[in-house]
Amino acid sequence: MRALLRRPTLLTKFSLLSLLVIVALGFGVGYVLQERIERRGLHEATKLAEAITKLGVQPIILPGDLAAGHNESHLDALDEQLKLRDFDTLGIRRLKVFNEEGVIVYSDERSIVGEAHPEAPAIRAALAGQIGRAVKETHFDDGGGPRSLEVYVPLSVGGASVASGVVEVSLPYEPVAAA
């Protein structure tokens, strides 16, 4: 009984301390790598969202399309034009277009068209010409996970030099998490 209660030897202390240091280093390296992977994923999502906005959305949207309150047939016509761009193959989960007042004037999810987000920081920044990006907790019906990469890109319509609206592109987070 007395042998079981002996004080740990110097070798035991050193081994436990070394184990703790290695575990702490493992967590630290894992955290840093995850941050770098997430940052790279956001950068790639930003490049994709910019290309989608400039080549796929901007040529279709007319200044009158940014007015709130369009009927279903107008939204159907925009849907048809955007579906010709084949965004589904790019893995886009959600596409929204906001006007200058922060009102959603187009979305592939019709139930949110007309919602107003006038004070949303990402929308305000995009209207000022800055591209915003973030990893968000969201819930989609596509069976994917709860996280997504959201990018807010300024939208210039009708040859305007300033942003007339904002395009929000939501992409799945799973490819980033798998990296």
Foldseek 3Di string as FASTA:
>chain_A
DVVVPDDDDPVVVVVVVVVVVVVVVVVVVVVVVLVVLVVVVLVVVQVVVVCCQVPPPQVVDALVLQDADDDPVVQVVSVVSNVVVVCVVVQWQKKFKHFQQQATSHIPPVVRHGDHDNPPPQFVVQQQPDKDWDWDQDDGPPPAHRIWIKIKHFHDHPPDPGGRIIMITIHGCVVSVVD
